[in-house]
Amino acid sequence: MVRLARSEVFDPHEVVVGHLYNRTCRRCFLMGNDQVSGKNFDHRKIWIEKYLQQFAEFFSLDLLTEKCRRQTIHWTLSSKKTTLWVVPLSLCAHLVY
């Protein structure tokens, strides 16, 4: 089954709020102490928060909530109605990479 285009699902003139989450596979840790290997992965939280704020500004999103756990990350994002603008794809690739 073909998925609908985002332009058909979301109205670009309305503010959209979404809950996003990411989960690792079993026995892999995003943050915290891993009892098996003895490694601490807390440095990743700062790295993830920094890049999330950078991407939120670039893609004109408001980061409403953020919760980082050992194996999951949850975000609540909202589109900014007042600051929507079109960015050329070449500029996106240059700024992100």
PDB file of N, CA and C in Angstrom:
ATOM      1  N   MET A   1       0.840  -1.178   0.000  1.00  0.00           N
ATOM      2  CA  MET A   1       0.000   0.000   0.000  1.00  0.00           C
ATOM      3  C   MET A   1       0.885   1.243   0.000  1.00  0.00           C
ATOM      4  N   VAL A   2       0.550   2.192  -0.824  1.00  0.00           N
ATOM      5  CA  VAL A   2       1.332   3.415  -0.962  1.00  0.00           C
ATOM      6  C   VAL A   2       0.930   4.405   0.121  1.00  0.00           C
ATOM      7  N   ARG A   3       1.937   5.021   0.740  1.00  0.00           N
ATOM      8  CA  ARG A   3       1.694   6.018   1.771  1.00  0.00           C
ATOM      9  C   ARG A   3       1.383   7.364   1.130  1.00  0.00           C
ATOM     10  N   LEU A   4       0.481   8.117   1.736  1.00  0.00           N
ATOM     11  CA  LEU A   4       0.123   9.442   1.227  1.00  0.00           C
ATOM     12  C   LEU A   4       1.277  10.421   1.431  1.00  0.00           C
ATOM     13  N   ALA A   5       1.362  11.397   0.555  1.00  0.00           N
ATOM     14  CA  ALA A   5       2.363  12.448   0.697  1.00  0.00           C
ATOM     15  C   ALA A   5       2.024  13.311   1.908  1.00  0.00           C
ATOM     16  N   ARG A   6       3.044  13.848   2.558  1.00  0.00           N
ATOM     17  CA  ARG A   6       2.811  14.676   3.743  1.00  0.00           C
ATOM     18  C   ARG A   6       1.973  15.902   3.414  1.00  0.00           C
ATOM     19  N   SER A   7       2.109  16.421   2.198  1.00  0.00           N
ATOM     20  CA  SER A   7       1.312  17.590   1.813  1.00  0.00           C
ATOM     21  C   SER A   7      -0.174  17.267   1.738  1.00  0.00           C
ATOM     22  N   GLU A   8      -0.520  16.000   1.551  1.00  0.00           N
ATOM     23  CA  GLU A   8      -1.921  15.593   1.532  1.00  0.00           C
ATOM     24  C   GLU A   8      -2.445  15.280   2.931  1.00  0.00           C
ATOM     25  N   VAL A   9      -1.557  14.970   3.849  1.00  0.00           N
ATOM     26  CA  VAL A   9      -1.959  14.616   5.212  1.00  0.00           C
ATOM     27  C   VAL A   9      -2.006  15.853   6.105  1.00  0.00           C
ATOM     28  N   PHE A  10      -0.985  16.708   6.024  1.00  0.00           N
ATOM     29  CA  PHE A  10      -0.872  17.886   6.872  1.00  0.00           C
ATOM     30  C   PHE A  10      -1.082  19.147   6.052  1.00  0.00           C
ATOM     31  N   ASP A  11      -1.841  20.074   6.611  1.00  0.00           N
ATOM     32  CA  ASP A  11      -2.021  21.379   5.984  1.00  0.00           C
ATOM     33  C   ASP A  11      -0.809  22.242   6.333  1.00  0.00           C
ATOM     34  N   PRO A  12      -0.066  22.750   5.340  1.00  0.00           N
ATOM     35  CA  PRO A  12       1.140  23.525   5.651  1.00  0.00           C
ATOM     36  C   PRO A  12       0.862  24.857   6.334  1.00  0.00           C
ATOM     37  N   HIS A  13      -0.387  25.291   6.379  1.00  0.00           N
ATOM     38  CA  HIS A  13      -0.723  26.567   7.011  1.00  0.00           C
ATOM     39  C   HIS A  13      -1.203  26.397   8.449  1.00  0.00           C
ATOM     40  N   GLU A  14      -1.219  25.182   8.963  1.00  0.00           N
ATOM     41  CA  GLU A  14      -1.626  24.924  10.343  1.00  0.00           C
ATOM     42  C   GLU A  14      -0.431  24.446  11.158  1.00  0.00           C
ATOM     43  N   VAL A  15      -0.494  24.695  12.455  1.00  0.00           N
ATOM     44  CA  VAL A  15       0.538  24.214  13.362  1.00  0.00           C
ATOM     45  C   VAL A  15       0.259  22.747  13.673  1.00  0.00           C
ATOM     46  N   VAL A  16       1.272  21.916  13.500  1.00  0.00           N
ATOM     47  CA  VAL A  16       1.136  20.478  13.721  1.00  0.00           C
ATOM     48  C   VAL A  16       1.983  20.098  14.927  1.00  0.00           C
ATOM     49  N   VAL A  17       1.421  19.293  15.838  1.00  0.00           N
ATOM     50  CA  VAL A  17       2.142  18.792  17.001  1.00  0.00           C
ATOM     51  C   VAL A  17       2.259  17.284  16.857  1.00  0.00           C
ATOM     52  N   GLY A  18       3.467  16.776  17.074  1.00  0.00           N
ATOM     53  CA  GLY A  18       3.670  15.339  16.929  1.00  0.00           C
ATOM     54  C   GLY A  18       4.544  14.776  18.031  1.00  0.00           C
ATOM     55  N   HIS A  19       4.298  13.526  18.386  1.00  0.00           N
ATOM     56  CA  HIS A  19       5.103  12.804  19.365  1.00  0.00           C
ATOM     57  C   HIS A  19       5.971  11.809  18.607  1.00  0.00           C
ATOM     58  N   LEU A  20       7.272  11.938  18.758  1.00  0.00           N
ATOM     59  CA  LEU A  20       8.221  11.056  18.086  1.00  0.00           C
ATOM     60  C   LEU A  20       8.999  10.281  19.131  1.00  0.00           C
ATOM     61  N   TYR A  21       9.365   9.061  18.794  1.00  0.00           N
ATOM     62  CA  TYR A  21      10.210   8.302  19.702  1.00  0.00           C
ATOM     63  C   TYR A  21      11.122   7.389  18.909  1.00  0.00           C
ATOM     64  N   ASN A  22      12.217   7.039  19.531  1.00  0.00           N
ATOM     65  CA  ASN A  22      13.175   6.134  18.930  1.00  0.00           C
ATOM     66  C   ASN A  22      13.589   5.132  19.996  1.00  0.00           C
ATOM     67  N   ARG A  23      13.690   3.885  19.617  1.00  0.00           N
ATOM     68  CA  ARG A  23      14.038   2.817  20.553  1.00  0.00           C
ATOM     69  C   ARG A  23      15.163   1.995  19.957  1.00  0.00           C
ATOM     70  N   THR A  24      16.095   1.608  20.794  1.00  0.00           N
ATOM     71  CA  THR A  24      17.194   0.761  20.333  1.00  0.00           C
ATOM     72  C   THR A  24      16.777  -0.700  20.381  1.00  0.00           C
ATOM     73  N   CYS A  25      17.582  -1.534  19.769  1.00  0.00           N
ATOM     74  CA  CYS A  25      17.307  -2.972  19.848  1.00  0.00           C
ATOM     75  C   CYS A  25      17.741  -3.487  21.219  1.00  0.00           C
ATOM     76  N   ARG A  26      17.391  -4.693  21.530  1.00  0.00           N
ATOM     77  CA  ARG A  26      17.642  -5.232  22.865  1.00  0.00           C
ATOM     78  C   ARG A  26      19.129  -5.236  23.209  1.00  0.00           C
ATOM     79  N   ARG A  27      19.391  -4.996  24.455  1.00  0.00           N
ATOM     80  CA  ARG A  27      20.715  -4.966  25.048  1.00  0.00           C
ATOM     81  C   ARG A  27      21.656  -3.931  24.433  1.00  0.00           C
ATOM     82  N   CYS A  28      21.098  -2.927  23.800  1.00  0.00           N
ATOM     83  CA  CYS A  28      21.890  -1.793  23.327  1.00  0.00           C
ATOM     84  C   CYS A  28      21.436  -0.571  24.113  1.00  0.00           C
ATOM     85  N   PHE A  29      22.367   0.258  24.499  1.00  0.00           N
ATOM     86  CA  PHE A  29      22.039   1.392  25.345  1.00  0.00           C
ATOM     87  C   PHE A  29      22.378   2.697  24.652  1.00  0.00           C
ATOM     88  N   LEU A  30      21.430   3.631  24.668  1.00  0.00           N
ATOM     89  CA  LEU A  30      21.708   4.983  24.201  1.00  0.00           C
ATOM     90  C   LEU A  30      22.448   5.768  25.272  1.00  0.00           C
ATOM     91  N   MET A  31      21.985   5.637  26.521  1.00  0.00           N
ATOM     92  CA  MET A  31      22.565   6.359  27.638  1.00  0.00           C
ATOM     93  C   MET A  31      22.601   5.465  28.868  1.00  0.00           C
ATOM     94  N   GLY A  32      23.366   5.885  29.860  1.00  0.00           N
ATOM     95  CA  GLY A  32      23.437   5.131  31.102  1.00  0.00           C
ATOM     96  C   GLY A  32      24.572   4.125  31.106  1.00  0.00           C
ATOM     97  N   ASN A  33      24.605   3.324  32.153  1.00  0.00           N
ATOM     98  CA  ASN A  33      25.651   2.320  32.318  1.00  0.00           C
ATOM     99  C   ASN A  33      25.202   0.981  31.753  1.00  0.00           C
ATOM    100  N   ASP A  34      26.080   0.360  30.998  1.00  0.00           N
ATOM    101  CA  ASP A  34      25.843  -0.982  30.485  1.00  0.00           C
ATOM    102  C   ASP A  34      26.522  -1.947  31.452  1.00  0.00           C
ATOM    103  N   GLN A  35      25.731  -2.794  32.107  1.00  0.00           N
ATOM    104  CA  GLN A  35      26.285  -3.698  33.113  1.00  0.00           C
ATOM    105  C   GLN A  35      27.198  -4.757  32.502  1.00  0.00           C
ATOM    106  N   VAL A  36      26.939  -5.161  31.275  1.00  0.00           N
ATOM    107  CA  VAL A  36      27.733  -6.221  30.652  1.00  0.00           C
ATOM    108  C   VAL A  36      29.114  -5.708  30.258  1.00  0.00           C
ATOM    109  N   SER A  37      29.171  -4.589  29.557  1.00  0.00           N
ATOM    110  CA  SER A  37      30.462  -4.074  29.087  1.00  0.00           C
ATOM    111  C   SER A  37      31.127  -3.147  30.099  1.00  0.00           C
ATOM    112  N   GLY A  38      30.343  -2.605  31.037  1.00  0.00           N
ATOM    113  CA  GLY A  38      30.886  -1.682  32.016  1.00  0.00           C
ATOM    114  C   GLY A  38      31.089  -0.271  31.485  1.00  0.00           C
ATOM    115  N   LYS A  39      30.601   0.008  30.289  1.00  0.00           N
ATOM    116  CA  LYS A  39      30.773   1.330  29.682  1.00  0.00           C
ATOM    117  C   LYS A  39      29.628   2.256  30.073  1.00  0.00           C
ATOM    118  N   ASN A  40      29.951   3.550  30.120  1.00  0.00           N
ATOM    119  CA  ASN A  40      28.960   4.575  30.401  1.00  0.00           C
ATOM    120  C   ASN A  40      28.713   5.362  29.117  1.00  0.00           C
ATOM    121  N   PHE A  41      27.442   5.502  28.742  1.00  0.00           N
ATOM    122  CA  PHE A  41      27.080   6.170  27.497  1.00  0.00           C
ATOM    123  C   PHE A  41      26.363   7.497  27.733  1.00  0.00           C
ATOM    124  N   ASP A  42      26.585   8.129  28.873  1.00  0.00           N
ATOM    125  CA  ASP A  42      25.911   9.393  29.177  1.00  0.00           C
ATOM    126  C   ASP A  42      26.349  10.541  28.267  1.00  0.00           C
ATOM    127  N   HIS A  43      27.522  10.441  27.657  1.00  0.00           N
ATOM    128  CA  HIS A  43      27.992  11.507  26.767  1.00  0.00           C
ATOM    129  C   HIS A  43      27.085  11.660  25.550  1.00  0.00           C
ATOM    130  N   ARG A  44      26.355  10.620  25.198  1.00  0.00           N
ATOM    131  CA  ARG A  44      25.477  10.678  24.032  1.00  0.00           C
ATOM    132  C   ARG A  44      24.289  11.619  24.242  1.00  0.00           C
ATOM    133  N   LYS A  45      23.843  11.778  25.485  1.00  0.00           N
ATOM    134  CA  LYS A  45      22.686  12.635  25.754  1.00  0.00           C
ATOM    135  C   LYS A  45      22.978  14.075  25.347  1.00  0.00           C
ATOM    136  N   ILE A  46      24.137  14.579  25.700  1.00  0.00           N
ATOM    137  CA  ILE A  46      24.515  15.943  25.345  1.00  0.00           C
ATOM    138  C   ILE A  46      24.618  16.078  23.831  1.00  0.00           C
ATOM    139  N   TRP A  47      25.217  15.081  23.187  1.00  0.00           N
ATOM    140  CA  TRP A  47      25.375  15.096  21.735  1.00  0.00           C
ATOM    141  C   TRP A  47      24.016  15.091  21.038  1.00  0.00           C
ATOM    142  N   ILE A  48      23.092  14.247  21.497  1.00  0.00           N
ATOM    143  CA  ILE A  48      21.761  14.151  20.888  1.00  0.00           C
ATOM    144  C   ILE A  48      20.979  15.441  21.101  1.00  0.00           C
ATOM    145  N   GLU A  49      21.020  16.006  22.310  1.00  0.00           N
ATOM    146  CA  GLU A  49      20.304  17.251  22.588  1.00  0.00           C
ATOM    147  C   GLU A  49      20.818  18.400  21.730  1.00  0.00           C
ATOM    148  N   LYS A  50      22.131  18.484  21.570  1.00  0.00           N
ATOM    149  CA  LYS A  50      22.719  19.558  20.772  1.00  0.00           C
ATOM    150  C   LYS A  50      22.267  19.469  19.317  1.00  0.00           C
ATOM    151  N   TYR A  51      22.349  18.294  18.734  1.00  0.00           N
ATOM    152  CA  TYR A  51      21.965  18.143  17.335  1.00  0.00           C
ATOM    153  C   TYR A  51      20.458  18.263  17.137  1.00  0.00           C
ATOM    154  N   LEU A  52      19.674  17.834  18.110  1.00  0.00           N
ATOM    155  CA  LEU A  52      18.224  17.977  17.991  1.00  0.00           C
ATOM    156  C   LEU A  52      17.826  19.449  17.985  1.00  0.00           C
ATOM    157  N   GLN A  53      18.436  20.256  18.843  1.00  0.00           N
ATOM    158  CA  GLN A  53      18.142  21.688  18.853  1.00  0.00           C
ATOM    159  C   GLN A  53      18.577  22.350  17.548  1.00  0.00           C
ATOM    160  N   GLN A  54      19.705  21.920  17.011  1.00  0.00           N
ATOM    161  CA  GLN A  54      20.184  22.462  15.741  1.00  0.00           C
ATOM    162  C   GLN A  54      19.221  22.111  14.605  1.00  0.00           C
ATOM    163  N   PHE A  55      18.782  20.863  14.530  1.00  0.00           N
ATOM    164  CA  PHE A  55      17.856  20.451  13.482  1.00  0.00           C
ATOM    165  C   PHE A  55      16.481  21.090  13.669  1.00  0.00           C
ATOM    166  N   ALA A  56      16.045  21.270  14.911  1.00  0.00           N
ATOM    167  CA  ALA A  56      14.748  21.903  15.162  1.00  0.00           C
ATOM    168  C   ALA A  56      14.747  23.341  14.649  1.00  0.00           C
ATOM    169  N   GLU A  57      15.830  24.074  14.882  1.00  0.00           N
ATOM    170  CA  GLU A  57      15.923  25.436  14.366  1.00  0.00           C
ATOM    171  C   GLU A  57      15.955  25.443  12.844  1.00  0.00           C
ATOM    172  N   PHE A  58      16.708  24.536  12.273  1.00  0.00           N
ATOM    173  CA  PHE A  58      16.870  24.505  10.823  1.00  0.00           C
ATOM    174  C   PHE A  58      15.570  24.151  10.113  1.00  0.00           C
ATOM    175  N   PHE A  59      14.814  23.208  10.664  1.00  0.00           N
ATOM    176  CA  PHE A  59      13.579  22.775  10.030  1.00  0.00           C
ATOM    177  C   PHE A  59      12.357  23.502  10.580  1.00  0.00           C
ATOM    178  N   SER A  60      12.575  24.584  11.325  1.00  0.00           N
ATOM    179  CA  SER A  60      11.508  25.452  11.811  1.00  0.00           C
ATOM    180  C   SER A  60      10.524  24.699  12.710  1.00  0.00           C
ATOM    181  N   LEU A  61      11.070  24.027  13.727  1.00  0.00           N
ATOM    182  CA  LEU A  61      10.262  23.266  14.679  1.00  0.00           C
ATOM    183  C   LEU A  61      10.488  23.791  16.085  1.00  0.00           C
ATOM    184  N   ASP A  62       9.474  23.673  16.926  1.00  0.00           N
ATOM    185  CA  ASP A  62       9.608  23.948  18.354  1.00  0.00           C
ATOM    186  C   ASP A  62       9.752  22.622  19.077  1.00  0.00           C
ATOM    187  N   LEU A  63      10.770  22.506  19.901  1.00  0.00           N
ATOM    188  CA  LEU A  63      10.950  21.322  20.730  1.00  0.00           C
ATOM    189  C   LEU A  63      10.194  21.562  22.032  1.00  0.00           C
ATOM    190  N   LEU A  64       9.030  20.922  22.180  1.00  0.00           N
ATOM    191  CA  LEU A  64       8.176  21.161  23.345  1.00  0.00           C
ATOM    192  C   LEU A  64       8.625  20.346  24.545  1.00  0.00           C
ATOM    193  N   THR A  65       8.840  19.056  24.363  1.00  0.00           N
ATOM    194  CA  THR A  65       9.313  18.203  25.453  1.00  0.00           C
ATOM    195  C   THR A  65      10.352  17.235  24.918  1.00  0.00           C
ATOM    196  N   GLU A  66      11.201  16.772  25.829  1.00  0.00           N
ATOM    197  CA  GLU A  66      12.226  15.800  25.471  1.00  0.00           C
ATOM    198  C   GLU A  66      12.486  14.919  26.692  1.00  0.00           C
ATOM    199  N   LYS A  67      12.511  13.625  26.490  1.00  0.00           N
ATOM    200  CA  LYS A  67      12.800  12.694  27.575  1.00  0.00           C
ATOM    201  C   LYS A  67      13.760  11.637  27.055  1.00  0.00           C
ATOM    202  N   CYS A  68      14.925  11.561  27.652  1.00  0.00           N
ATOM    203  CA  CYS A  68      15.926  10.572  27.263  1.00  0.00           C
ATOM    204  C   CYS A  68      16.013   9.509  28.349  1.00  0.00           C
ATOM    205  N   ARG A  69      15.890   8.262  27.942  1.00  0.00           N
ATOM    206  CA  ARG A  69      16.025   7.130  28.847  1.00  0.00           C
ATOM    207  C   ARG A  69      17.149   6.242  28.355  1.00  0.00           C
ATOM    208  N   ARG A  70      17.343   5.121  29.010  1.00  0.00           N
ATOM    209  CA  ARG A  70      18.455   4.249  28.635  1.00  0.00           C
ATOM    210  C   ARG A  70      18.327   3.700  27.223  1.00  0.00           C
ATOM    211  N   GLN A  71      17.125   3.298  26.837  1.00  0.00           N
ATOM    212  CA  GLN A  71      16.954   2.680  25.530  1.00  0.00           C
ATOM    213  C   GLN A  71      15.969   3.412  24.628  1.00  0.00           C
ATOM    214  N   THR A  72      15.351   4.482  25.097  1.00  0.00           N
ATOM    215  CA  THR A  72      14.388   5.215  24.274  1.00  0.00           C
ATOM    216  C   THR A  72      14.588   6.723  24.419  1.00  0.00           C
ATOM    217  N   ILE A  73      14.166   7.432  23.392  1.00  0.00           N
ATOM    218  CA  ILE A  73      14.127   8.895  23.412  1.00  0.00           C
ATOM    219  C   ILE A  73      12.745   9.305  22.939  1.00  0.00           C
ATOM    220  N   HIS A  74      12.110  10.224  23.656  1.00  0.00           N
ATOM    221  CA  HIS A  74      10.782  10.726  23.290  1.00  0.00           C
ATOM    222  C   HIS A  74      10.874  12.236  23.088  1.00  0.00           C
ATOM    223  N   TRP A  75      10.233  12.716  22.013  1.00  0.00           N
ATOM    224  CA  TRP A  75      10.166  14.141  21.726  1.00  0.00           C
ATOM    225  C   TRP A  75       8.739  14.524  21.400  1.00  0.00           C
ATOM    226  N   THR A  76       8.374  15.744  21.764  1.00  0.00           N
ATOM    227  CA  THR A  76       7.134  16.346  21.288  1.00  0.00           C
ATOM    228  C   THR A  76       7.542  17.595  20.525  1.00  0.00           C
ATOM    229  N   LEU A  77       7.230  17.601  19.237  1.00  0.00           N
ATOM    230  CA  LEU A  77       7.623  18.694  18.356  1.00  0.00           C
ATOM    231  C   LEU A  77       6.398  19.405  17.804  1.00  0.00           C
ATOM    232  N   SER A  78       6.565  20.677  17.504  1.00  0.00           N
ATOM    233  CA  SER A  78       5.491  21.473  16.919  1.00  0.00           C
ATOM    234  C   SER A  78       6.071  22.293  15.773  1.00  0.00           C
ATOM    235  N   SER A  79       5.301  22.434  14.701  1.00  0.00           N
ATOM    236  CA  SER A  79       5.752  23.281  13.596  1.00  0.00           C
ATOM    237  C   SER A  79       5.524  24.743  13.967  1.00  0.00           C
ATOM    238  N   LYS A  80       6.418  25.596  13.527  1.00  0.00           N
ATOM    239  CA  LYS A  80       6.287  27.029  13.781  1.00  0.00           C
ATOM    240  C   LYS A  80       5.547  27.656  12.616  1.00  0.00           C
ATOM    241  N   LYS A  81       4.376  28.152  12.883  1.00  0.00           N
ATOM    242  CA  LYS A  81       3.562  28.733  11.809  1.00  0.00           C
ATOM    243  C   LYS A  81       4.143  30.055  11.314  1.00  0.00           C
ATOM    244  N   THR A  82       4.732  30.827  12.190  1.00  0.00           N
ATOM    245  CA  THR A  82       5.183  32.167  11.818  1.00  0.00           C
ATOM    246  C   THR A  82       6.514  32.166  11.084  1.00  0.00           C
ATOM    247  N   THR A  83       7.289  31.104  11.202  1.00  0.00           N
ATOM    248  CA  THR A  83       8.633  31.128  10.621  1.00  0.00           C
ATOM    249  C   THR A  83       8.822  30.106   9.514  1.00  0.00           C
ATOM    250  N   LEU A  84       7.737  29.658   8.900  1.00  0.00           N
ATOM    251  CA  LEU A  84       7.882  28.696   7.814  1.00  0.00           C
ATOM    252  C   LEU A  84       8.496  29.374   6.597  1.00  0.00           C
ATOM    253  N   TRP A  85       9.506  28.732   6.036  1.00  0.00           N
ATOM    254  CA  TRP A  85      10.147  29.255   4.842  1.00  0.00           C
ATOM    255  C   TRP A  85      10.680  28.094   4.041  1.00  0.00           C
ATOM    256  N   VAL A  86      10.877  28.337   2.771  1.00  0.00           N
ATOM    257  CA  VAL A  86      11.328  27.285   1.867  1.00  0.00           C
ATOM    258  C   VAL A  86      12.837  27.388   1.712  1.00  0.00           C
ATOM    259  N   VAL A  87      13.520  26.256   1.879  1.00  0.00           N
ATOM    260  CA  VAL A  87      14.970  26.206   1.776  1.00  0.00           C
ATOM    261  C   VAL A  87      15.342  25.346   0.577  1.00  0.00           C
ATOM    262  N   PRO A  88      16.232  25.817  -0.288  1.00  0.00           N
ATOM    263  CA  PRO A  88      16.666  24.980  -1.404  1.00  0.00           C
ATOM    264  C   PRO A  88      17.372  23.724  -0.897  1.00  0.00           C
ATOM    265  N   LEU A  89      17.208  22.626  -1.614  1.00  0.00           N
ATOM    266  CA  LEU A  89      17.787  21.353  -1.203  1.00  0.00           C
ATOM    267  C   LEU A  89      19.303  21.423  -1.114  1.00  0.00           C
ATOM    268  N   SER A  90      19.943  22.163  -2.005  1.00  0.00           N
ATOM    269  CA  SER A  90      21.404  22.269  -1.972  1.00  0.00           C
ATOM    270  C   SER A  90      21.871  22.956  -0.690  1.00  0.00           C
ATOM    271  N   LEU A  91      21.118  23.934  -0.201  1.00  0.00           N
ATOM    272  CA  LEU A  91      21.466  24.607   1.043  1.00  0.00           C
ATOM    273  C   LEU A  91      21.264  23.676   2.226  1.00  0.00           C
ATOM    274  N   CYS A  92      20.202  22.867   2.213  1.00  0.00           N
ATOM    275  CA  CYS A  92      19.957  21.897   3.284  1.00  0.00           C
ATOM    276  C   CYS A  92      21.124  20.931   3.399  1.00  0.00           C
ATOM    277  N   ALA A  93      21.546  20.379   2.278  1.00  0.00           N
ATOM    278  CA  ALA A  93      22.634  19.406   2.286  1.00  0.00           C
ATOM    279  C   ALA A  93      23.921  20.046   2.777  1.00  0.00           C
ATOM    280  N   HIS A  94      24.162  21.291   2.396  1.00  0.00           N
ATOM    281  CA  HIS A  94      25.383  21.970   2.811  1.00  0.00           C
ATOM    282  C   HIS A  94      25.386  22.246   4.315  1.00  0.00           C
ATOM    283  N   LEU A  95      24.267  22.695   4.863  1.00  0.00           N
ATOM    284  CA  LEU A  95      24.204  23.036   6.284  1.00  0.00           C
ATOM    285  C   LEU A  95      24.193  21.808   7.179  1.00  0.00           C
ATOM    286  N   VAL A  96      23.540  20.737   6.743  1.00  0.00           N
ATOM    287  CA  VAL A  96      23.444  19.539   7.576  1.00  0.00           C
ATOM    288  C   VAL A  96      24.753  18.775   7.573  1.00  0.00           C
ATOM    289  N   TYR A  97      25.380  18.651   6.430  1.00  0.00           N
ATOM    290  CA  TYR A  97      26.612  17.872   6.339  1.00  0.00           C
ATOM    291  C   TYR A  97      27.806  18.783   6.316  1.00  0.00           C
TER     292      TYR A  97
END
